[in-house]
Amino acid sequence: MMQPGVRNAITDVPGLMVGSAEDMAVFTGVTVVLPDVRAVAAVDVQGGGTGTRELELLRTDGTVDAVDAIFLAGGSAFGLAAADGVMGYLVEQDRGFPVGDMHVPIVPGAILFDLHNGGDKSGFRSSPEDALPYRALGRAAALGAGSEVRIGNAGAGCGATTTGHAGCWLKGGQGTASIVLESGVTVGALSVVNALGSVVANETGQFLAGMLERSDEFGGRGGAETVEAREQPLNKYGNRDGIANTTLAVVATDAALTKAQAARVVKMAQAGMARAVRPVFTPMDGDVVFALATGRVIMPDPVGDVAQIGMAAADCLSRAIARGVFAADTLGECPAYQNVYPTAD
């Protein structure tokens, strides 16, 4: 049976590091996925309310076939500035797309809406260029990148929120998971859950992704016997005015994928989000999944292996989503999963 990697994290994929940085006054943060060398990348967008940077470069007909980092950030459109901090760090390392005697770091990314979570948002109303933390958070996340991945209220998951089984406000968060295939290929996922929908199946707190759980990684809640398919009230913030929500993710493998193969893997990975969140891909969500391939393992069966990697990426993403919510702590007035759905002694 396939088992998670040593860390049960996206960094089990050789050649990847992750950094997370938070501003606990603002209730926001940034996560950076940093390959040790430029990695093949792809993206799939399903949400109707995205905020992104450099996605056109990841199209299969784009000129650039590899990236230097991927960032995920809070802050709505303000958070796109996190890429500048990541780029600055990479320039110092002489990393990027070669242009003459210079290097231009390629840092695609996406943002989530965390402006109504109760943190100090005074900087968003005056002198945002000086007051907002995202450039500094992007740099800090890149500088701190390593093999350990913090989950829960970490990185871009710091201020993330979601909903419980009946539409109640619930803390979201950052999660990760991995699996090692029988072929020796490693697949991992990292998610930031700020969804309008719920990851919870019923009033007992079982997760929609419960059937995929490995070793009690999200509380031993297992597969839900029943899913309470009630009408989702769509009012995470106490209203239905269409405020943006998002689940962001990165899936990764050490297989040697082409850009087109990575595009197929990331498309398959979206199924993992659909299994773990209900509803998903709404007009009010900015759901985006990136894929990275570090190219350490040659695939003997390119067609079959891509299908296997895509399936594993979807499973890892479902597990990462549940882990992120399970591990999150109460933040301000937003309660944690374990406060709303306490486990039995």
C-alpha atoms as a PDB file:
ATOM      1  CA  MET A   1       0.000   0.000   0.000  1.00  0.00           C
ATOM      2  CA  MET A   2       1.239   3.466  -0.850  1.00  0.00           C
ATOM      3  CA  GLN A   3       2.392   5.422   2.201  1.00  0.00           C
ATOM      4  CA  PRO A   4       3.009   9.110   2.947  1.00  0.00           C
ATOM      5  CA  GLY A   5       6.572  10.356   2.804  1.00  0.00           C
ATOM      6  CA  VAL A   6       8.697  10.931   5.892  1.00  0.00           C
ATOM      7  CA  ARG A   7       7.206  14.369   6.628  1.00  0.00           C
ATOM      8  CA  ASN A   8       3.765  13.807   5.071  1.00  0.00           C
ATOM      9  CA  ALA A   9       4.410  17.112   3.332  1.00  0.00           C
ATOM     10  CA  ILE A  10       4.987  18.532  -0.112  1.00  0.00           C
ATOM     11  CA  THR A  11       8.667  18.813   0.823  1.00  0.00           C
ATOM     12  CA  ASP A  12       8.935  15.024   0.672  1.00  0.00           C
ATOM     13  CA  VAL A  13       9.268  15.755  -3.048  1.00  0.00           C
ATOM     14  CA  PRO A  14      13.047  16.045  -3.510  1.00  0.00           C
ATOM     15  CA  GLY A  15      14.115  19.497  -4.608  1.00  0.00           C
ATOM     16  CA  LEU A  16      11.348  21.494  -2.905  1.00  0.00           C
ATOM     17  CA  MET A  17      11.313  23.760   0.127  1.00  0.00           C
ATOM     18  CA  VAL A  18       8.445  25.734   1.658  1.00  0.00           C
ATOM     19  CA  GLY A  19       8.555  28.979   3.625  1.00  0.00           C
ATOM     20  CA  SER A  20       5.735  30.616   5.575  1.00  0.00           C
ATOM     21  CA  ALA A  21       5.540  34.064   7.142  1.00  0.00           C
ATOM     22  CA  GLU A  22       2.736  35.774   9.057  1.00  0.00           C
ATOM     23  CA  ASP A  23       1.698  39.174  10.368  1.00  0.00           C
ATOM     24  CA  MET A  24      -0.276  38.339  13.496  1.00  0.00           C
ATOM     25  CA  ALA A  25      -1.516  41.911  13.920  1.00  0.00           C
ATOM     26  CA  VAL A  26      -3.080  41.990  10.461  1.00  0.00           C
ATOM     27  CA  PHE A  27      -4.136  38.289  10.531  1.00  0.00           C
ATOM     28  CA  THR A  28      -2.514  37.536   7.181  1.00  0.00           C
ATOM     29  CA  GLY A  29       0.476  35.785   5.676  1.00  0.00           C
ATOM     30  CA  VAL A  30       2.417  34.461   2.691  1.00  0.00           C
ATOM     31  CA  THR A  31       3.583  31.003   1.675  1.00  0.00           C
ATOM     32  CA  VAL A  32       6.353  30.339  -0.838  1.00  0.00           C
ATOM     33  CA  VAL A  33       7.098  27.015  -2.551  1.00  0.00           C
ATOM     34  CA  LEU A  34      10.742  27.188  -3.575  1.00  0.00           C
ATOM     35  CA  PRO A  35      12.416  24.606  -5.835  1.00  0.00           C
ATOM     36  CA  ASP A  36      16.174  24.356  -5.498  1.00  0.00           C
ATOM     37  CA  VAL A  37      16.469  24.746  -9.276  1.00  0.00           C
ATOM     38  CA  ARG A  38      13.932  26.004 -11.797  1.00  0.00           C
ATOM     39  CA  ALA A  39      11.020  23.555 -12.070  1.00  0.00           C
ATOM     40  CA  VAL A  40       8.484  22.756 -14.774  1.00  0.00           C
ATOM     41  CA  ALA A  41       5.120  24.259 -13.813  1.00  0.00           C
ATOM     42  CA  ALA A  42       1.475  24.341 -14.832  1.00  0.00           C
ATOM     43  CA  VAL A  43      -1.744  25.826 -13.463  1.00  0.00           C
ATOM     44  CA  ASP A  44      -5.466  25.135 -13.523  1.00  0.00           C
ATOM     45  CA  VAL A  45      -8.044  27.783 -12.595  1.00  0.00           C
ATOM     46  CA  GLN A  46     -11.599  26.800 -11.674  1.00  0.00           C
ATOM     47  CA  GLY A  47     -12.822  29.568  -9.371  1.00  0.00           C
ATOM     48  CA  GLY A  48     -14.818  32.506 -10.644  1.00  0.00           C
ATOM     49  CA  GLY A  49     -13.106  35.205  -8.560  1.00  0.00           C
ATOM     50  CA  THR A  50      -9.353  34.757  -8.878  1.00  0.00           C
ATOM     51  CA  GLY A  51      -6.477  37.116  -8.161  1.00  0.00           C
ATOM     52  CA  THR A  52      -3.258  35.959  -9.799  1.00  0.00           C
ATOM     53  CA  ARG A  53       0.128  36.882 -11.227  1.00  0.00           C
ATOM     54  CA  GLU A  54       2.111  35.492 -14.193  1.00  0.00           C
ATOM     55  CA  LEU A  55      -0.392  32.750 -15.030  1.00  0.00           C
ATOM     56  CA  GLU A  56      -0.205  33.319 -18.789  1.00  0.00           C
ATOM     57  CA  LEU A  57       3.417  32.168 -18.720  1.00  0.00           C
ATOM     58  CA  LEU A  58       2.258  28.755 -17.516  1.00  0.00           C
ATOM     59  CA  ARG A  59       0.085  28.070 -20.564  1.00  0.00           C
ATOM     60  CA  THR A  60       1.390  25.135 -22.581  1.00  0.00           C
ATOM     61  CA  ASP A  61       2.225  27.505 -25.445  1.00  0.00           C
ATOM     62  CA  GLY A  62       3.994  29.994 -23.175  1.00  0.00           C
ATOM     63  CA  THR A  63       7.650  30.833 -23.783  1.00  0.00           C
ATOM     64  CA  VAL A  64       8.810  30.034 -20.258  1.00  0.00           C
ATOM     65  CA  ASP A  65       8.767  26.343 -19.365  1.00  0.00           C
ATOM     66  CA  ALA A  66       9.921  26.556 -15.748  1.00  0.00           C
ATOM     67  CA  VAL A  67       9.517  28.788 -12.696  1.00  0.00           C
ATOM     68  CA  ASP A  68      11.718  29.859  -9.804  1.00  0.00           C
ATOM     69  CA  ALA A  69       9.035  29.893  -7.088  1.00  0.00           C
ATOM     70  CA  ILE A  70       5.311  29.975  -6.480  1.00  0.00           C
ATOM     71  CA  PHE A  71       3.696  32.215  -3.873  1.00  0.00           C
ATOM     72  CA  LEU A  72       0.318  32.102  -2.150  1.00  0.00           C
ATOM     73  CA  ALA A  73      -0.752  35.172  -0.176  1.00  0.00           C
ATOM     74  CA  GLY A  74      -3.540  36.723   1.803  1.00  0.00           C
ATOM     75  CA  GLY A  75      -4.537  40.344   1.370  1.00  0.00           C
ATOM     76  CA  SER A  76      -6.733  40.130  -1.719  1.00  0.00           C
ATOM     77  CA  ALA A  77      -5.140  42.049  -4.610  1.00  0.00           C
ATOM     78  CA  PHE A  78      -2.796  43.833  -2.172  1.00  0.00           C
ATOM     79  CA  GLY A  79      -1.153  40.457  -1.541  1.00  0.00           C
ATOM     80  CA  LEU A  80       0.171  40.247  -5.106  1.00  0.00           C
ATOM     81  CA  ALA A  81       3.023  42.472  -3.884  1.00  0.00           C
ATOM     82  CA  ALA A  82       4.411  39.408  -2.076  1.00  0.00           C
ATOM     83  CA  ALA A  83       5.935  38.352  -5.400  1.00  0.00           C
ATOM     84  CA  ASP A  84       8.214  41.403  -5.304  1.00  0.00           C
ATOM     85  CA  GLY A  85       9.735  40.245  -2.031  1.00  0.00           C
ATOM     86  CA  VAL A  86      10.268  36.747  -3.375  1.00  0.00           C
ATOM     87  CA  MET A  87      11.804  38.113  -6.577  1.00  0.00           C
ATOM     88  CA  GLY A  88      14.174  40.309  -4.609  1.00  0.00           C
ATOM     89  CA  TYR A  89      15.444  37.300  -2.687  1.00  0.00           C
ATOM     90  CA  LEU A  90      15.895  35.281  -5.878  1.00  0.00           C
ATOM     91  CA  VAL A  91      17.767  38.101  -7.630  1.00  0.00           C
ATOM     92  CA  GLU A  92      20.263  38.036  -4.771  1.00  0.00           C
ATOM     93  CA  GLN A  93      20.777  34.329  -5.512  1.00  0.00           C
ATOM     94  CA  ASP A  94      21.328  34.985  -9.266  1.00  0.00           C
ATOM     95  CA  ARG A  95      18.256  32.935 -10.029  1.00  0.00           C
ATOM     96  CA  GLY A  96      15.751  33.517 -12.797  1.00  0.00           C
ATOM     97  CA  PHE A  97      15.136  33.456 -16.523  1.00  0.00           C
ATOM     98  CA  PRO A  98      18.389  34.558 -18.235  1.00  0.00           C
ATOM     99  CA  VAL A  99      18.067  37.854 -20.094  1.00  0.00           C
ATOM    100  CA  GLY A 100      21.460  39.030 -21.309  1.00  0.00           C
ATOM    101  CA  ASP A 101      23.656  39.484 -18.246  1.00  0.00           C
ATOM    102  CA  MET A 102      20.637  39.560 -15.907  1.00  0.00           C
ATOM    103  CA  HIS A 103      18.215  37.063 -14.427  1.00  0.00           C
ATOM    104  CA  VAL A 104      14.477  37.693 -14.161  1.00  0.00           C
ATOM    105  CA  PRO A 105      12.876  35.448 -11.514  1.00  0.00           C
ATOM    106  CA  ILE A 106       9.614  33.892 -12.651  1.00  0.00           C
ATOM    107  CA  VAL A 107       7.285  33.819  -9.637  1.00  0.00           C
ATOM    108  CA  PRO A 108       3.648  33.036 -10.424  1.00  0.00           C
ATOM    109  CA  GLY A 109       1.150  33.120  -7.588  1.00  0.00           C
ATOM    110  CA  ALA A 110      -2.356  33.693  -6.357  1.00  0.00           C
ATOM    111  CA  ILE A 111      -4.066  35.501  -3.499  1.00  0.00           C
ATOM    112  CA  LEU A 112      -6.998  34.921  -1.181  1.00  0.00           C
ATOM    113  CA  PHE A 113      -9.434  37.306   0.502  1.00  0.00           C
ATOM    114  CA  ASP A 114      -8.788  37.641   4.243  1.00  0.00           C
ATOM    115  CA  LEU A 115      -9.790  41.288   4.739  1.00  0.00           C
ATOM    116  CA  HIS A 116     -12.845  40.563   6.927  1.00  0.00           C
ATOM    117  CA  ASN A 117     -11.239  38.264   9.498  1.00  0.00           C
ATOM    118  CA  GLY A 118     -10.888  40.822  12.299  1.00  0.00           C
ATOM    119  CA  GLY A 119      -7.203  41.759  12.110  1.00  0.00           C
ATOM    120  CA  ASP A 120      -5.842  45.297  12.094  1.00  0.00           C
ATOM    121  CA  LYS A 121      -6.558  46.448   8.544  1.00  0.00           C
ATOM    122  CA  SER A 122      -5.839  50.157   9.079  1.00  0.00           C
ATOM    123  CA  GLY A 123      -2.917  49.997   6.642  1.00  0.00           C
ATOM    124  CA  PHE A 124      -5.269  49.055   3.818  1.00  0.00           C
ATOM    125  CA  ARG A 125      -7.052  52.396   4.126  1.00  0.00           C
ATOM    126  CA  SER A 126      -4.104  54.797   4.061  1.00  0.00           C
ATOM    127  CA  SER A 127      -0.620  54.732   2.506  1.00  0.00           C
ATOM    128  CA  PRO A 128      -0.861  51.066   1.560  1.00  0.00           C
ATOM    129  CA  GLU A 129       2.530  51.104  -0.188  1.00  0.00           C
ATOM    130  CA  ASP A 130       4.257  51.855   3.111  1.00  0.00           C
ATOM    131  CA  ALA A 131       1.900  50.156   5.538  1.00  0.00           C
ATOM    132  CA  LEU A 132       1.062  46.811   3.978  1.00  0.00           C
ATOM    133  CA  PRO A 133       3.242  43.835   4.881  1.00  0.00           C
ATOM    134  CA  TYR A 134       3.172  41.656   1.772  1.00  0.00           C
ATOM    135  CA  ARG A 135       6.496  42.495   0.148  1.00  0.00           C
ATOM    136  CA  ALA A 136       8.274  41.935   3.448  1.00  0.00           C
ATOM    137  CA  LEU A 137       6.293  38.753   4.122  1.00  0.00           C
ATOM    138  CA  GLY A 138       7.180  37.374   0.692  1.00  0.00           C
ATOM    139  CA  ARG A 139      10.863  37.955   1.330  1.00  0.00           C
ATOM    140  CA  ALA A 140      10.656  36.506   4.837  1.00  0.00           C
ATOM    141  CA  ALA A 141       8.890  33.387   3.572  1.00  0.00           C
ATOM    142  CA  ALA A 142      11.549  32.835   0.893  1.00  0.00           C
ATOM    143  CA  LEU A 143      14.408  33.419   3.349  1.00  0.00           C
ATOM    144  CA  GLY A 144      12.891  30.962   5.813  1.00  0.00           C
ATOM    145  CA  ALA A 145      12.132  28.207   3.308  1.00  0.00           C
ATOM    146  CA  GLY A 146      13.071  24.710   4.424  1.00  0.00           C
ATOM    147  CA  SER A 147      11.920  21.125   4.591  1.00  0.00           C
ATOM    148  CA  GLU A 148       9.494  21.514   7.495  1.00  0.00           C
ATOM    149  CA  VAL A 149       6.026  22.758   6.543  1.00  0.00           C
ATOM    150  CA  ARG A 150       3.949  24.427   9.264  1.00  0.00           C
ATOM    151  CA  ILE A 151       0.221  23.759   9.053  1.00  0.00           C
ATOM    152  CA  GLY A 152      -2.879  25.461  10.451  1.00  0.00           C
ATOM    153  CA  ASN A 153      -2.476  29.201  11.072  1.00  0.00           C
ATOM    154  CA  ALA A 154       0.670  29.407   8.962  1.00  0.00           C
ATOM    155  CA  GLY A 155       1.682  31.387   5.914  1.00  0.00           C
ATOM    156  CA  ALA A 156      -1.186  32.311   3.633  1.00  0.00           C
ATOM    157  CA  GLY A 157      -3.392  30.186   5.884  1.00  0.00           C
ATOM    158  CA  CYS A 158      -2.845  32.560   8.826  1.00  0.00           C
ATOM    159  CA  GLY A 159      -6.025  34.549   8.258  1.00  0.00           C
ATOM    160  CA  ALA A 160      -7.923  32.027   6.161  1.00  0.00           C
ATOM    161  CA  THR A 161     -11.494  31.116   7.103  1.00  0.00           C
ATOM    162  CA  THR A 162     -14.088  28.651   5.854  1.00  0.00           C
ATOM    163  CA  THR A 163     -17.430  27.235   7.031  1.00  0.00           C
ATOM    164  CA  GLY A 164     -18.687  24.273   9.028  1.00  0.00           C
ATOM    165  CA  HIS A 165     -21.359  21.765   8.059  1.00  0.00           C
ATOM    166  CA  ALA A 166     -24.225  24.232   8.591  1.00  0.00           C
ATOM    167  CA  GLY A 167     -22.516  27.293   7.171  1.00  0.00           C
ATOM    168  CA  CYS A 168     -21.072  28.500  10.485  1.00  0.00           C
ATOM    169  CA  TRP A 169     -17.825  30.479  10.421  1.00  0.00           C
ATOM    170  CA  LEU A 170     -14.824  28.174  10.894  1.00  0.00           C
ATOM    171  CA  LYS A 171     -11.080  28.784  10.825  1.00  0.00           C
ATOM    172  CA  GLY A 172      -9.342  27.675   7.648  1.00  0.00           C
ATOM    173  CA  GLY A 173      -5.635  27.083   7.322  1.00  0.00           C
ATOM    174  CA  GLN A 174      -2.608  25.714   5.559  1.00  0.00           C
ATOM    175  CA  GLY A 175      -2.280  21.971   5.083  1.00  0.00           C
ATOM    176  CA  THR A 176       0.021  19.536   3.341  1.00  0.00           C
ATOM    177  CA  ALA A 177       0.279  15.822   2.533  1.00  0.00           C
ATOM    178  CA  SER A 178       2.349  13.403   0.456  1.00  0.00           C
ATOM    179  CA  ILE A 179       2.393   9.870  -0.919  1.00  0.00           C
ATOM    180  CA  VAL A 180       5.137   7.663  -2.356  1.00  0.00           C
ATOM    181  CA  LEU A 181       3.994   5.585  -5.327  1.00  0.00           C
ATOM    182  CA  GLU A 182       5.097   2.010  -5.879  1.00  0.00           C
ATOM    183  CA  SER A 183       7.186   3.285  -8.797  1.00  0.00           C
ATOM    184  CA  GLY A 184       9.240   5.345  -6.350  1.00  0.00           C
ATOM    185  CA  VAL A 185       7.772   8.654  -7.559  1.00  0.00           C
ATOM    186  CA  THR A 186       6.827  11.038  -4.744  1.00  0.00           C
ATOM    187  CA  VAL A 187       3.746  13.238  -4.985  1.00  0.00           C
ATOM    188  CA  GLY A 188       2.822  16.001  -2.555  1.00  0.00           C
ATOM    189  CA  ALA A 189       0.332  18.798  -2.076  1.00  0.00           C
ATOM    190  CA  LEU A 190       0.076  22.032  -0.137  1.00  0.00           C
ATOM    191  CA  SER A 191      -3.224  23.863   0.304  1.00  0.00           C
ATOM    192  CA  VAL A 192      -4.548  27.063   1.801  1.00  0.00           C
ATOM    193  CA  VAL A 193      -8.233  26.764   2.658  1.00  0.00           C
ATOM    194  CA  ASN A 194     -10.224  29.998   2.621  1.00  0.00           C
ATOM    195  CA  ALA A 195     -13.280  28.482   0.972  1.00  0.00           C
ATOM    196  CA  LEU A 196     -16.861  29.681   0.894  1.00  0.00           C
ATOM    197  CA  GLY A 197     -17.848  26.020   1.096  1.00  0.00           C
ATOM    198  CA  SER A 198     -17.364  23.537   3.909  1.00  0.00           C
ATOM    199  CA  VAL A 199     -14.827  20.742   4.365  1.00  0.00           C
ATOM    200  CA  VAL A 200     -17.082  19.120   6.987  1.00  0.00           C
ATOM    201  CA  ALA A 201     -19.574  16.411   6.046  1.00  0.00           C
ATOM    202  CA  ASN A 202     -21.977  16.425   8.989  1.00  0.00           C
ATOM    203  CA  GLU A 203     -22.670  17.641  12.519  1.00  0.00           C
ATOM    204  CA  THR A 204     -20.234  15.119  14.037  1.00  0.00           C
ATOM    205  CA  GLY A 205     -17.347  16.860  12.267  1.00  0.00           C
ATOM    206  CA  GLN A 206     -16.363  14.127   9.848  1.00  0.00           C
ATOM    207  CA  PHE A 207     -14.444  15.444   6.868  1.00  0.00           C
ATOM    208  CA  LEU A 208     -15.620  15.163   3.271  1.00  0.00           C
ATOM    209  CA  ALA A 209     -12.096  13.865   2.552  1.00  0.00           C
ATOM    210  CA  GLY A 210     -12.261  11.406   5.454  1.00  0.00           C
ATOM    211  CA  MET A 211     -12.113   8.252   3.346  1.00  0.00           C
ATOM    212  CA  LEU A 212      -8.588   9.236   2.243  1.00  0.00           C
ATOM    213  CA  GLU A 213      -7.175   9.814   5.726  1.00  0.00           C
ATOM    214  CA  ARG A 214      -3.827   8.232   6.581  1.00  0.00           C
ATOM    215  CA  SER A 215      -2.728   7.493  10.165  1.00  0.00           C
ATOM    216  CA  ASP A 216      -5.205   9.819  11.901  1.00  0.00           C
ATOM    217  CA  GLU A 217      -3.681  12.804  10.100  1.00  0.00           C
ATOM    218  CA  PHE A 218      -6.881  14.774  10.631  1.00  0.00           C
ATOM    219  CA  GLY A 219      -8.098  13.367  13.890  1.00  0.00           C
ATOM    220  CA  GLY A 220      -9.153   9.874  12.885  1.00  0.00           C
ATOM    221  CA  ARG A 221     -12.490  11.214  11.674  1.00  0.00           C
ATOM    222  CA  GLY A 222     -12.504   8.638   8.878  1.00  0.00           C
ATOM    223  CA  GLY A 223     -14.945   8.447   6.003  1.00  0.00           C
ATOM    224  CA  ALA A 224     -18.321  10.000   6.608  1.00  0.00           C
ATOM    225  CA  GLU A 225     -21.154   7.466   6.806  1.00  0.00           C
ATOM    226  CA  THR A 226     -23.523  10.212   5.730  1.00  0.00           C
ATOM    227  CA  VAL A 227     -23.080  13.622   4.200  1.00  0.00           C
ATOM    228  CA  GLU A 228     -25.600  16.230   5.276  1.00  0.00           C
ATOM    229  CA  ALA A 229     -26.320  17.625   1.826  1.00  0.00           C
ATOM    230  CA  ARG A 230     -28.216  20.606   3.152  1.00  0.00           C
ATOM    231  CA  GLU A 231     -28.510  23.856   1.249  1.00  0.00           C
ATOM    232  CA  GLN A 232     -25.326  25.859   1.801  1.00  0.00           C
ATOM    233  CA  PRO A 233     -26.344  29.329   3.092  1.00  0.00           C
ATOM    234  CA  LEU A 234     -23.353  31.002   1.356  1.00  0.00           C
ATOM    235  CA  ASN A 235     -22.979  33.532   4.162  1.00  0.00           C
ATOM    236  CA  LYS A 236     -19.552  32.917   5.673  1.00  0.00           C
ATOM    237  CA  TYR A 237     -19.214  36.571   6.678  1.00  0.00           C
ATOM    238  CA  GLY A 238     -22.840  36.914   7.773  1.00  0.00           C
ATOM    239  CA  ASN A 239     -24.058  38.203   4.434  1.00  0.00           C
ATOM    240  CA  ARG A 240     -24.393  37.126   0.811  1.00  0.00           C
ATOM    241  CA  ASP A 241     -22.773  40.059  -0.957  1.00  0.00           C
ATOM    242  CA  GLY A 242     -20.384  37.961  -3.042  1.00  0.00           C
ATOM    243  CA  ILE A 243     -17.224  38.673  -1.036  1.00  0.00           C
ATOM    244  CA  ALA A 244     -14.356  36.649  -2.435  1.00  0.00           C
ATOM    245  CA  ASN A 245     -13.227  33.313  -1.011  1.00  0.00           C
ATOM    246  CA  THR A 246     -10.569  30.930  -2.241  1.00  0.00           C
ATOM    247  CA  THR A 247      -8.797  27.605  -1.895  1.00  0.00           C
ATOM    248  CA  LEU A 248      -5.272  27.762  -3.283  1.00  0.00           C
ATOM    249  CA  ALA A 249      -2.992  24.777  -3.763  1.00  0.00           C
ATOM    250  CA  VAL A 250       0.309  23.531  -5.134  1.00  0.00           C
ATOM    251  CA  VAL A 251       0.798  19.894  -6.105  1.00  0.00           C
ATOM    252  CA  ALA A 252       4.253  18.579  -6.877  1.00  0.00           C
ATOM    253  CA  THR A 253       6.186  15.521  -7.968  1.00  0.00           C
ATOM    254  CA  ASP A 254       9.776  14.510  -8.536  1.00  0.00           C
ATOM    255  CA  ALA A 255       8.839  12.882 -11.856  1.00  0.00           C
ATOM    256  CA  ALA A 256      10.305  14.346 -15.030  1.00  0.00           C
ATOM    257  CA  LEU A 257       7.194  15.919 -16.570  1.00  0.00           C
ATOM    258  CA  THR A 258       6.875  18.086 -19.626  1.00  0.00           C
ATOM    259  CA  LYS A 259       4.825  21.241 -19.363  1.00  0.00           C
ATOM    260  CA  ALA A 260       1.906  19.486 -21.092  1.00  0.00           C
ATOM    261  CA  GLN A 261       2.121  16.505 -18.726  1.00  0.00           C
ATOM    262  CA  ALA A 262       2.192  18.852 -15.724  1.00  0.00           C
ATOM    263  CA  ALA A 263      -0.921  20.529 -17.116  1.00  0.00           C
ATOM    264  CA  ARG A 264      -2.723  17.183 -17.150  1.00  0.00           C
ATOM    265  CA  VAL A 265      -1.623  16.408 -13.593  1.00  0.00           C
ATOM    266  CA  VAL A 266      -2.848  19.742 -12.271  1.00  0.00           C
ATOM    267  CA  LYS A 267      -6.189  19.330 -14.043  1.00  0.00           C
ATOM    268  CA  MET A 268      -6.631  15.923 -12.403  1.00  0.00           C
ATOM    269  CA  ALA A 269      -5.591  17.376  -9.042  1.00  0.00           C
ATOM    270  CA  GLN A 270      -8.602  19.695  -9.064  1.00  0.00           C
ATOM    271  CA  ALA A 271     -10.721  16.603  -8.408  1.00  0.00           C
ATOM    272  CA  GLY A 272      -9.139  16.496  -4.968  1.00  0.00           C
ATOM    273  CA  MET A 273     -10.461  19.949  -4.181  1.00  0.00           C
ATOM    274  CA  ALA A 274     -13.915  18.957  -5.403  1.00  0.00           C
ATOM    275  CA  ARG A 275     -13.910  15.920  -3.086  1.00  0.00           C
ATOM    276  CA  ALA A 276     -12.859  17.933  -0.050  1.00  0.00           C
ATOM    277  CA  VAL A 277     -14.918  21.151  -0.276  1.00  0.00           C
ATOM    278  CA  ARG A 278     -18.664  21.640  -0.870  1.00  0.00           C
ATOM    279  CA  PRO A 279     -19.603  23.769  -2.750  1.00  0.00           C
ATOM    280  CA  VAL A 280     -16.464  24.429  -4.765  1.00  0.00           C
ATOM    281  CA  PHE A 281     -15.534  26.505  -7.848  1.00  0.00           C
ATOM    282  CA  THR A 282     -18.321  29.014  -7.115  1.00  0.00           C
ATOM    283  CA  PRO A 283     -18.496  32.515  -8.634  1.00  0.00           C
ATOM    284  CA  MET A 284     -17.297  33.824  -5.256  1.00  0.00           C
ATOM    285  CA  ASP A 285     -14.241  31.524  -5.032  1.00  0.00           C
ATOM    286  CA  GLY A 286     -10.834  32.081  -6.595  1.00  0.00           C
ATOM    287  CA  ASP A 287      -9.804  28.421  -6.647  1.00  0.00           C
ATOM    288  CA  VAL A 288      -6.403  27.882  -8.286  1.00  0.00           C
ATOM    289  CA  VAL A 289      -4.066  24.860  -8.310  1.00  0.00           C
ATOM    290  CA  PHE A 290      -0.427  24.987  -9.437  1.00  0.00           C
ATOM    291  CA  ALA A 291       1.744  21.990 -10.315  1.00  0.00           C
ATOM    292  CA  LEU A 292       5.522  21.663 -10.043  1.00  0.00           C
ATOM    293  CA  ALA A 293       7.767  18.882 -11.351  1.00  0.00           C
ATOM    294  CA  THR A 294      11.364  18.742 -10.147  1.00  0.00           C
ATOM    295  CA  GLY A 295      12.388  16.147 -12.734  1.00  0.00           C
ATOM    296  CA  ARG A 296      14.373  13.763 -10.533  1.00  0.00           C
ATOM    297  CA  VAL A 297      12.688  10.506 -11.698  1.00  0.00           C
ATOM    298  CA  ILE A 298      12.340   9.406 -15.334  1.00  0.00           C
ATOM    299  CA  MET A 299       8.951   7.820 -16.103  1.00  0.00           C
ATOM    300  CA  PRO A 300       9.109   4.494 -17.979  1.00  0.00           C
ATOM    301  CA  ASP A 301       5.433   4.780 -18.998  1.00  0.00           C
ATOM    302  CA  PRO A 302       4.721   8.461 -19.679  1.00  0.00           C
ATOM    303  CA  VAL A 303       0.990   8.001 -20.277  1.00  0.00           C
ATOM    304  CA  GLY A 304       0.205   5.597 -17.456  1.00  0.00           C
ATOM    305  CA  ASP A 305       2.577   7.280 -15.011  1.00  0.00           C
ATOM    306  CA  VAL A 306       1.027  10.701 -15.607  1.00  0.00           C
ATOM    307  CA  ALA A 307      -2.400   9.231 -14.860  1.00  0.00           C
ATOM    308  CA  GLN A 308      -1.086   7.659 -11.651  1.00  0.00           C
ATOM    309  CA  ILE A 309       0.604  10.889 -10.561  1.00  0.00           C
ATOM    310  CA  GLY A 310      -2.545  12.908 -11.277  1.00  0.00           C
ATOM    311  CA  MET A 311      -4.658  10.525  -9.193  1.00  0.00           C
ATOM    312  CA  ALA A 312      -2.184  10.695  -6.302  1.00  0.00           C
ATOM    313  CA  ALA A 313      -2.031  14.489  -6.544  1.00  0.00           C
ATOM    314  CA  ALA A 314      -5.822  14.688  -6.210  1.00  0.00           C
ATOM    315  CA  ASP A 315      -5.765  12.411  -3.147  1.00  0.00           C
ATOM    316  CA  CYS A 316      -2.949  14.386  -1.512  1.00  0.00           C
ATOM    317  CA  LEU A 317      -4.777  17.646  -2.137  1.00  0.00           C
ATOM    318  CA  SER A 318      -7.956  16.345  -0.463  1.00  0.00           C
ATOM    319  CA  ARG A 319      -5.922  15.263   2.573  1.00  0.00           C
ATOM    320  CA  ALA A 320      -3.992  18.543   2.710  1.00  0.00           C
ATOM    321  CA  ILE A 321      -7.248  20.516   2.744  1.00  0.00           C
ATOM    322  CA  ALA A 322      -8.632  18.527   5.682  1.00  0.00           C
ATOM    323  CA  ARG A 323      -5.319  18.679   7.568  1.00  0.00           C
ATOM    324  CA  GLY A 324      -5.142  22.453   7.223  1.00  0.00           C
ATOM    325  CA  VAL A 325      -8.570  22.971   8.776  1.00  0.00           C
ATOM    326  CA  PHE A 326      -8.061  20.315  11.462  1.00  0.00           C
ATOM    327  CA  ALA A 327      -4.764  21.896  12.576  1.00  0.00           C
ATOM    328  CA  ALA A 328      -5.960  25.520  12.603  1.00  0.00           C
ATOM    329  CA  ASP A 329      -6.328  27.455  15.856  1.00  0.00           C
ATOM    330  CA  THR A 330      -9.019  29.947  16.810  1.00  0.00           C
ATOM    331  CA  LEU A 331      -8.118  33.400  15.506  1.00  0.00           C
ATOM    332  CA  GLY A 332      -9.942  36.420  16.890  1.00  0.00           C
ATOM    333  CA  GLU A 333     -13.637  35.602  16.757  1.00  0.00           C
ATOM    334  CA  CYS A 334     -13.247  32.791  14.221  1.00  0.00           C
ATOM    335  CA  PRO A 335     -13.411  29.411  16.004  1.00  0.00           C
ATOM    336  CA  ALA A 336     -11.137  26.481  15.272  1.00  0.00           C
ATOM    337  CA  TYR A 337     -12.427  23.144  14.045  1.00  0.00           C
ATOM    338  CA  GLN A 338     -11.469  21.454  17.312  1.00  0.00           C
ATOM    339  CA  ASN A 339     -13.548  23.952  19.292  1.00  0.00           C
ATOM    340  CA  VAL A 340     -16.618  23.420  17.124  1.00  0.00           C
ATOM    341  CA  TYR A 341     -16.185  19.659  16.705  1.00  0.00           C
ATOM    342  CA  PRO A 342     -14.326  18.441  19.804  1.00  0.00           C
ATOM    343  CA  THR A 343     -12.994  14.922  19.607  1.00  0.00           C
ATOM    344  CA  ALA A 344     -14.213  12.329  22.100  1.00  0.00           C
ATOM    345  CA  ASP A 345     -11.906  11.485  25.002  1.00  0.00           C
END
